[in-house]
Amino acid sequence: MAEENTSATILIVDDTPENIDILNDILRPSYRVTVALNGMKAIAIAASSPPPDLILLDIMMPEMDGYEVIRRLKSNPATARIPVIFVTAKTDVSDEEKGLQLGAVDYISKPISPPIVKARIKTHLALYDQNRALESKVRARTAALRDSRLQIIRRLGRAAEFKDNETGQHVMRMSHYAHILAAARGMDEAWCSLILEAAPMHDIGKIGVPDQILLKPGKLTQEEWSIMKRHPEFGAEILGRHDSDLLRMARSIAQNHHEKWDGSGYPGGLKGQDIPIEGRIVAVADVFDALTTERPYKHAWPVDEALDYLRQEAGRHFDPDLIPLFMDSLPSILEVKARYAEHVPLDDVN
């Protein structure tokens, strides 16, 4: 009969050395074995790297019994998926039911039968390996879908910018600026990822603005400006209302990134914290990039002058709490600016 896979590690948890010796003798020829004489040590070993592949856990132990050990293991995302088999002298059906309810995958009664122990371990290791392989495939597929989604979003953003910024790098730079600023403000990782992905669609409403207005090199007439100011509304209409967190944030950004802290912005004349935070963050990112980028109708401002403008407009155009955070993040901002410079084709950067 072929040996089991010796790459698997089994953690034996029992306060009685004789019980550990028995299990160790059964398992050592086929697996790597590590032991813990109490619950706290078992939890520490389970949380180490690499973690054990399976845990054999006694119930009746002093200070912390097996039930409490498994509660703590299942409450920690790092150890929650490790299969736990109770090995115990408690043989009542209610004891077994309680163990399984707490998350154990199996229940072996003492005194143990070596063939049963080996068979149960083999079965649950195989299931655990299958689950890990499936999770790996799901993660890979999710990453691929996320990358495809992000590329589509960036292309949509580029479509809105194409006429006056053919490289499409504006949407790349400002979305990364927004991501950096969101992180500096203390937003969680998931929220920061959302703004990175949603920000490229901030000006999607420009699609609805006639070319003669969008590309006009001179000052717009009052009538032309009134049309130009509708592009946030156009963007909100294009993006619509959805259950998707991403599209909800994209819609909010499209509608609110031209609002100003003092209430003088458009289209809603929102003021202060009535402006959604994603709109306030993108406003800073968008203006900084617009100022420091050359366009057909304007020269690029030096970075120092653009930063001075942000400081001057703190509390008027911009959320005053965001500007110091932007300044503190300047090294990362300038790294993004260089990475996504106008001369770098969009297909050459991530």
Protein backbone atom coordinates (compact mmCIF):
# COMPACT_ATOMS: atom_id res chain seq x y z
CA MET A 1 0.00 0.00 0.00
CA ALA A 2 1.37 3.42 -0.96
CA GLU A 3 2.32 5.89 1.77
CA GLU A 4 0.25 9.02 2.35
CA ASN A 5 1.44 12.43 1.23
CA THR A 6 4.22 13.29 3.68
CA SER A 7 4.03 16.97 2.76
CA ALA A 8 0.91 17.39 4.95
CA THR A 9 1.35 18.61 8.53
CA ILE A 10 -0.91 17.34 11.31
CA LEU A 11 -1.19 19.28 14.59
CA ILE A 12 -2.05 17.08 17.59
CA VAL A 13 -3.54 18.96 20.55
CA ASP A 14 -3.85 17.02 23.81
CA ASP A 15 -2.78 17.70 27.40
CA THR A 16 -1.86 14.03 27.98
CA PRO A 17 1.58 13.07 26.58
CA GLU A 18 0.61 9.38 26.35
CA ASN A 19 -2.25 10.22 23.98
CA ILE A 20 0.09 12.32 21.85
CA ASP A 21 2.61 9.45 21.70
CA ILE A 22 -0.06 7.06 20.43
CA LEU A 23 -1.22 9.40 17.66
CA ASN A 24 2.34 10.34 16.81
CA ASP A 25 3.31 6.69 16.32
CA ILE A 26 0.33 6.18 14.00
CA LEU A 27 0.89 9.29 11.89
CA ARG A 28 4.63 9.89 11.84
CA PRO A 29 5.37 7.41 9.01
CA SER A 30 2.96 9.22 6.69
CA TYR A 31 2.83 12.89 7.78
CA ARG A 32 4.77 15.64 9.42
CA VAL A 33 3.51 15.91 12.99
CA THR A 34 3.59 18.83 15.40
CA VAL A 35 2.12 18.86 18.91
CA ALA A 36 0.62 21.23 21.47
CA LEU A 37 -0.11 20.40 25.11
CA ASN A 38 -2.64 23.21 25.59
CA GLY A 39 -5.11 25.36 23.69
CA MET A 40 -3.10 28.59 23.62
CA LYS A 41 -0.09 26.83 22.11
CA ALA A 42 -2.35 25.16 19.54
CA ILE A 43 -3.83 28.49 18.45
CA ALA A 44 -0.35 29.98 18.09
CA ILE A 45 0.88 27.06 15.97
CA ALA A 46 -2.25 27.17 13.79
CA ALA A 47 -1.70 30.87 13.11
CA SER A 48 1.97 30.37 12.19
CA SER A 49 3.31 30.13 8.66
CA PRO A 50 2.92 27.65 7.14
CA PRO A 51 -0.15 26.54 9.11
CA PRO A 52 -0.96 22.87 9.73
CA ASP A 53 -3.10 21.11 7.15
CA LEU A 54 -5.30 19.40 9.74
CA ILE A 55 -5.78 19.53 13.53
CA LEU A 56 -6.56 16.61 15.85
CA LEU A 57 -8.08 18.28 18.92
CA ASP A 58 -8.88 16.89 22.36
CA ILE A 59 -11.89 18.40 24.14
CA MET A 60 -11.14 17.88 27.84
CA MET A 61 -8.13 20.08 28.57
CA PRO A 62 -7.47 22.42 31.52
CA GLU A 63 -7.63 26.24 31.20
CA MET A 64 -9.00 26.16 27.64
CA ASP A 65 -11.03 23.20 26.43
CA GLY A 66 -11.28 22.04 22.84
CA TYR A 67 -14.59 23.79 22.28
CA GLU A 68 -13.04 27.17 23.06
CA VAL A 69 -10.00 26.35 20.92
CA ILE A 70 -12.14 25.67 17.86
CA ARG A 71 -14.24 28.80 18.51
CA ARG A 72 -11.08 30.90 18.38
CA LEU A 73 -9.71 29.09 15.34
CA LYS A 74 -12.96 29.59 13.39
CA SER A 75 -13.18 33.27 14.37
CA ASN A 76 -9.77 34.01 12.82
CA PRO A 77 -9.82 34.19 8.99
CA ALA A 78 -6.23 32.94 8.91
CA THR A 79 -7.14 29.65 10.64
CA ALA A 80 -10.87 29.30 9.97
CA ARG A 81 -10.50 26.91 7.04
CA ILE A 82 -8.13 24.42 8.70
CA PRO A 83 -10.07 21.15 9.17
CA VAL A 84 -10.43 20.13 12.81
CA ILE A 85 -11.19 16.59 13.96
CA PHE A 86 -12.11 16.11 17.61
CA VAL A 87 -10.40 13.10 19.22
CA THR A 88 -11.98 12.65 22.63
CA ALA A 89 -13.35 10.33 25.29
CA LYS A 90 -16.59 12.32 25.35
CA THR A 91 -18.89 9.98 23.47
CA ASP A 92 -22.38 11.37 24.03
CA VAL A 93 -24.30 12.28 20.89
CA SER A 94 -24.82 15.80 22.29
CA ASP A 95 -21.03 16.23 22.63
CA GLU A 96 -20.50 15.16 19.02
CA GLU A 97 -23.31 17.44 17.83
CA LYS A 98 -21.82 20.40 19.70
CA GLY A 99 -18.40 19.80 18.16
CA LEU A 100 -19.76 19.61 14.64
CA GLN A 101 -21.86 22.76 15.17
CA LEU A 102 -18.70 24.62 16.19
CA GLY A 103 -17.06 23.72 12.89
CA ALA A 104 -15.32 20.38 13.37
CA VAL A 105 -15.29 18.19 10.26
CA ASP A 106 -15.30 14.88 12.14
CA TYR A 107 -15.37 13.26 15.59
CA ILE A 108 -13.23 10.29 16.64
CA SER A 109 -13.84 8.59 19.98
CA LYS A 110 -11.15 7.32 22.34
CA PRO A 111 -9.77 4.72 22.59
CA ILE A 112 -8.83 5.25 18.99
CA SER A 113 -8.61 2.72 16.16
CA PRO A 114 -5.47 3.36 14.04
CA PRO A 115 -7.14 2.36 10.73
CA ILE A 116 -10.08 4.72 11.43
CA VAL A 117 -7.77 7.60 12.34
CA LYS A 118 -5.74 7.10 9.15
CA ALA A 119 -8.83 6.81 6.96
CA ARG A 120 -10.55 9.88 8.41
CA ILE A 121 -7.41 11.97 8.09
CA LYS A 122 -6.84 10.83 4.50
CA THR A 123 -10.42 11.72 3.56
CA HIS A 124 -10.41 15.18 5.12
CA LEU A 125 -6.97 16.08 3.76
CA ALA A 126 -8.20 15.15 0.28
CA LEU A 127 -11.28 17.35 0.72
CA TYR A 128 -9.14 20.20 2.06
CA ASP A 129 -6.77 19.93 -0.90
CA GLN A 130 -9.72 20.00 -3.32
CA ASN A 131 -11.17 23.07 -1.59
CA ARG A 132 -7.84 24.88 -1.71
CA ALA A 133 -7.41 24.06 -5.39
CA LEU A 134 -10.91 25.32 -6.12
CA GLU A 135 -10.33 28.52 -4.12
CA SER A 136 -7.11 29.11 -6.05
CA LYS A 137 -8.95 28.76 -9.36
CA VAL A 138 -11.70 31.10 -8.17
CA ARG A 139 -9.13 33.69 -7.08
CA ALA A 140 -7.36 33.47 -10.44
CA ARG A 141 -10.63 33.76 -12.34
CA THR A 142 -11.77 36.67 -10.16
CA ALA A 143 -8.47 38.46 -10.73
CA ALA A 144 -8.82 37.96 -14.49
CA LEU A 145 -12.39 39.27 -14.47
CA ARG A 146 -11.36 42.24 -12.34
CA ASP A 147 -8.53 43.05 -14.74
CA SER A 148 -10.88 42.83 -17.73
CA ARG A 149 -13.41 45.05 -15.99
CA LEU A 150 -10.76 47.60 -15.11
CA GLN A 151 -9.49 47.69 -18.69
CA ILE A 152 -13.02 48.26 -20.01
CA ILE A 153 -13.60 51.05 -17.50
CA ARG A 154 -10.33 52.73 -18.45
CA ARG A 155 -11.25 52.51 -22.13
CA LEU A 156 -14.62 54.11 -21.42
CA GLY A 157 -12.86 56.87 -19.55
CA ARG A 158 -10.41 57.27 -22.40
CA ALA A 159 -13.31 57.59 -24.86
CA ALA A 160 -14.56 60.62 -22.95
CA GLU A 161 -11.09 62.21 -22.94
CA PHE A 162 -9.99 61.20 -26.44
CA LYS A 163 -10.75 64.41 -28.30
CA ASP A 164 -8.69 66.70 -26.08
CA ASN A 165 -6.27 64.17 -24.59
CA GLU A 166 -5.53 61.47 -27.11
CA THR A 167 -3.11 59.49 -24.96
CA GLY A 168 -5.81 58.80 -22.38
CA GLN A 169 -3.28 59.12 -19.57
CA HIS A 170 -5.31 61.72 -17.68
CA VAL A 171 -7.77 59.08 -16.48
CA MET A 172 -4.88 56.88 -15.38
CA ARG A 173 -3.08 59.59 -13.43
CA MET A 174 -6.08 61.13 -11.73
CA SER A 175 -7.53 57.75 -10.71
CA HIS A 176 -4.25 56.81 -9.06
CA TYR A 177 -4.03 60.24 -7.41
CA ALA A 178 -7.53 59.63 -6.05
CA HIS A 179 -6.50 56.20 -4.79
CA ILE A 180 -3.47 57.63 -3.00
CA LEU A 181 -5.50 60.44 -1.44
CA ALA A 182 -8.26 58.06 -0.33
CA ALA A 183 -5.69 55.85 1.41
CA ALA A 184 -4.12 58.91 3.07
CA ARG A 185 -7.55 59.86 4.41
CA GLY A 186 -7.85 56.44 6.02
CA MET A 187 -10.44 54.83 3.74
CA ASP A 188 -10.30 51.04 3.83
CA GLU A 189 -8.60 48.99 1.13
CA ALA A 190 -11.82 47.92 -0.58
CA TRP A 191 -13.06 51.51 -0.80
CA CYS A 192 -9.70 52.70 -2.16
CA SER A 193 -9.85 50.00 -4.85
CA LEU A 194 -13.35 51.13 -5.80
CA ILE A 195 -12.31 54.74 -6.30
CA LEU A 196 -9.32 53.62 -8.36
CA GLU A 197 -11.63 51.71 -10.66
CA ALA A 198 -14.51 54.21 -10.70
CA ALA A 199 -12.60 57.48 -11.11
CA PRO A 200 -11.68 56.94 -14.81
CA MET A 201 -15.37 57.41 -15.65
CA HIS A 202 -15.57 60.85 -14.00
CA ASP A 203 -15.93 62.71 -17.31
CA ILE A 204 -17.91 60.11 -19.26
CA GLY A 205 -20.59 62.79 -19.66
CA LYS A 206 -18.32 64.73 -22.03
CA ILE A 207 -19.59 62.36 -24.69
CA GLY A 208 -22.78 64.40 -24.62
CA VAL A 209 -21.05 67.76 -25.17
CA PRO A 210 -20.79 68.97 -28.80
CA ASP A 211 -17.25 69.06 -30.23
CA GLN A 212 -17.42 72.74 -31.07
CA ILE A 213 -17.86 73.46 -27.36
CA LEU A 214 -15.58 70.78 -25.94
CA LEU A 215 -12.68 71.67 -28.26
CA LYS A 216 -13.15 75.42 -28.47
CA PRO A 217 -9.72 77.03 -27.90
CA GLY A 218 -11.09 80.34 -26.62
CA LYS A 219 -13.41 81.35 -23.83
CA LEU A 220 -16.86 79.79 -23.91
CA THR A 221 -19.94 81.94 -24.26
CA GLN A 222 -22.48 81.88 -21.44
CA GLU A 223 -24.70 79.57 -23.48
CA GLU A 224 -21.80 77.26 -24.32
CA TRP A 225 -20.70 77.16 -20.70
CA SER A 226 -24.20 76.23 -19.57
CA ILE A 227 -24.03 73.24 -21.92
CA MET A 228 -20.53 72.29 -20.78
CA LYS A 229 -21.68 72.36 -17.14
CA ARG A 230 -24.24 69.70 -17.91
CA HIS A 231 -21.64 67.00 -18.51
CA PRO A 232 -21.82 65.75 -14.88
CA GLU A 233 -25.55 65.22 -15.36
CA PHE A 234 -24.93 63.51 -18.70
CA GLY A 235 -22.42 61.23 -16.98
CA ALA A 236 -24.85 60.31 -14.23
CA GLU A 237 -27.50 59.51 -16.84
CA ILE A 238 -25.09 57.38 -18.88
CA LEU A 239 -23.99 55.38 -15.85
CA GLY A 240 -27.54 55.04 -14.50
CA ARG A 241 -28.57 53.49 -11.20
CA HIS A 242 -27.26 50.04 -10.33
CA ASP A 243 -26.78 47.70 -7.38
CA SER A 244 -23.07 47.48 -8.21
CA ASP A 245 -20.87 49.31 -5.69
CA LEU A 246 -18.52 50.21 -8.52
CA LEU A 247 -21.15 51.78 -10.75
CA ARG A 248 -22.79 53.55 -7.81
CA MET A 249 -19.47 55.18 -6.95
CA ALA A 250 -18.75 55.96 -10.62
CA ARG A 251 -22.12 57.68 -10.92
CA SER A 252 -21.52 59.69 -7.76
CA ILE A 253 -18.09 60.78 -8.98
CA ALA A 254 -19.37 61.73 -12.42
CA GLN A 255 -22.14 63.82 -10.87
CA ASN A 256 -20.22 65.47 -8.03
CA HIS A 257 -16.57 66.00 -9.00
CA HIS A 258 -17.24 69.61 -10.06
CA GLU A 259 -18.99 70.56 -6.83
CA LYS A 260 -17.02 72.98 -4.62
CA TRP A 261 -16.59 73.09 -0.87
CA ASP A 262 -18.04 76.63 -0.66
CA GLY A 263 -21.14 75.69 -2.66
CA SER A 264 -20.18 77.53 -5.86
CA GLY A 265 -19.71 74.37 -7.96
CA TYR A 266 -22.05 72.55 -10.29
CA PRO A 267 -24.42 70.92 -11.14
CA GLY A 268 -26.09 70.83 -7.70
CA GLY A 269 -24.36 73.66 -5.82
CA LEU A 270 -23.62 71.22 -2.99
CA LYS A 271 -21.58 72.56 -0.09
CA GLY A 272 -19.05 71.12 2.37
CA GLN A 273 -19.68 67.60 3.57
CA ASP A 274 -22.93 67.42 1.59
CA ILE A 275 -20.60 66.64 -1.31
CA PRO A 276 -19.90 62.87 -1.25
CA ILE A 277 -16.33 62.17 -0.17
CA GLU A 278 -15.53 60.41 -3.46
CA GLY A 279 -16.51 63.60 -5.30
CA ARG A 280 -14.30 65.72 -3.02
CA ILE A 281 -11.32 63.40 -3.48
CA VAL A 282 -11.64 63.23 -7.26
CA ALA A 283 -12.02 67.02 -7.44
CA VAL A 284 -8.51 67.43 -6.00
CA ALA A 285 -7.02 64.69 -8.19
CA ASP A 286 -8.73 65.95 -11.36
CA VAL A 287 -7.77 69.61 -10.94
CA PHE A 288 -4.15 68.85 -10.05
CA ASP A 289 -3.76 66.73 -13.16
CA ALA A 290 -5.57 69.24 -15.37
CA LEU A 291 -3.30 72.04 -14.16
CA THR A 292 -0.05 70.09 -14.61
CA THR A 293 -0.89 68.67 -18.05
CA GLU A 294 -0.54 70.43 -21.39
CA ARG A 295 -3.65 70.48 -23.53
CA PRO A 296 -4.31 71.97 -26.98
CA TYR A 297 -5.85 75.03 -25.31
CA LYS A 298 -3.42 75.49 -22.37
CA HIS A 299 0.14 75.10 -21.16
CA ALA A 300 1.05 72.81 -18.27
CA TRP A 301 1.59 74.54 -14.94
CA PRO A 302 4.74 73.76 -12.95
CA VAL A 303 4.00 71.40 -10.06
CA ASP A 304 4.85 74.06 -7.45
CA GLU A 305 2.36 76.50 -8.91
CA ALA A 306 -0.34 73.84 -9.06
CA LEU A 307 0.29 72.97 -5.40
CA ASP A 308 0.07 76.65 -4.46
CA TYR A 309 -3.30 76.80 -6.23
CA LEU A 310 -4.56 73.79 -4.26
CA ARG A 311 -3.52 75.47 -1.01
CA GLN A 312 -5.19 78.74 -1.98
CA GLU A 313 -8.42 76.95 -2.87
CA ALA A 314 -8.58 74.82 0.29
CA GLY A 315 -11.87 75.71 1.95
CA ARG A 316 -13.22 77.27 -1.23
CA HIS A 317 -12.95 74.80 -4.09
CA PHE A 318 -11.56 71.87 -2.10
CA ASP A 319 -12.21 70.06 1.15
CA PRO A 320 -9.64 71.77 3.42
CA ASP A 321 -8.81 68.49 5.19
CA LEU A 322 -7.75 66.83 1.94
CA ILE A 323 -5.13 69.32 0.79
CA PRO A 324 -2.57 68.66 3.59
CA LEU A 325 -3.00 64.92 2.94
CA PHE A 326 -2.34 65.50 -0.76
CA MET A 327 0.83 67.44 0.08
CA ASP A 328 2.02 64.71 2.44
CA SER A 329 1.48 62.17 -0.36
CA LEU A 330 3.44 64.19 -2.93
CA PRO A 331 6.26 61.64 -3.46
CA SER A 332 3.71 58.99 -4.47
CA ILE A 333 1.77 61.52 -6.54
CA LEU A 334 4.87 62.53 -8.51
CA GLU A 335 5.81 58.89 -9.03
CA VAL A 336 2.40 58.32 -10.66
CA LYS A 337 2.79 61.50 -12.71
CA ALA A 338 6.08 60.22 -14.14
CA ARG A 339 4.85 56.69 -14.66
CA TYR A 340 1.81 57.77 -16.67
CA ALA A 341 3.41 60.67 -18.51
CA GLU A 342 1.71 61.83 -21.72
CA HIS A 343 4.39 60.33 -23.98
CA VAL A 344 3.83 56.79 -22.59
CA PRO A 345 1.23 54.87 -24.66
CA LEU A 346 -1.73 53.63 -22.63
CA ASP A 347 -1.07 50.01 -23.58
CA ASP A 348 2.43 50.18 -22.09
CA VAL A 349 1.34 50.80 -18.48
CA ASN A 350 -0.83 48.98 -15.96
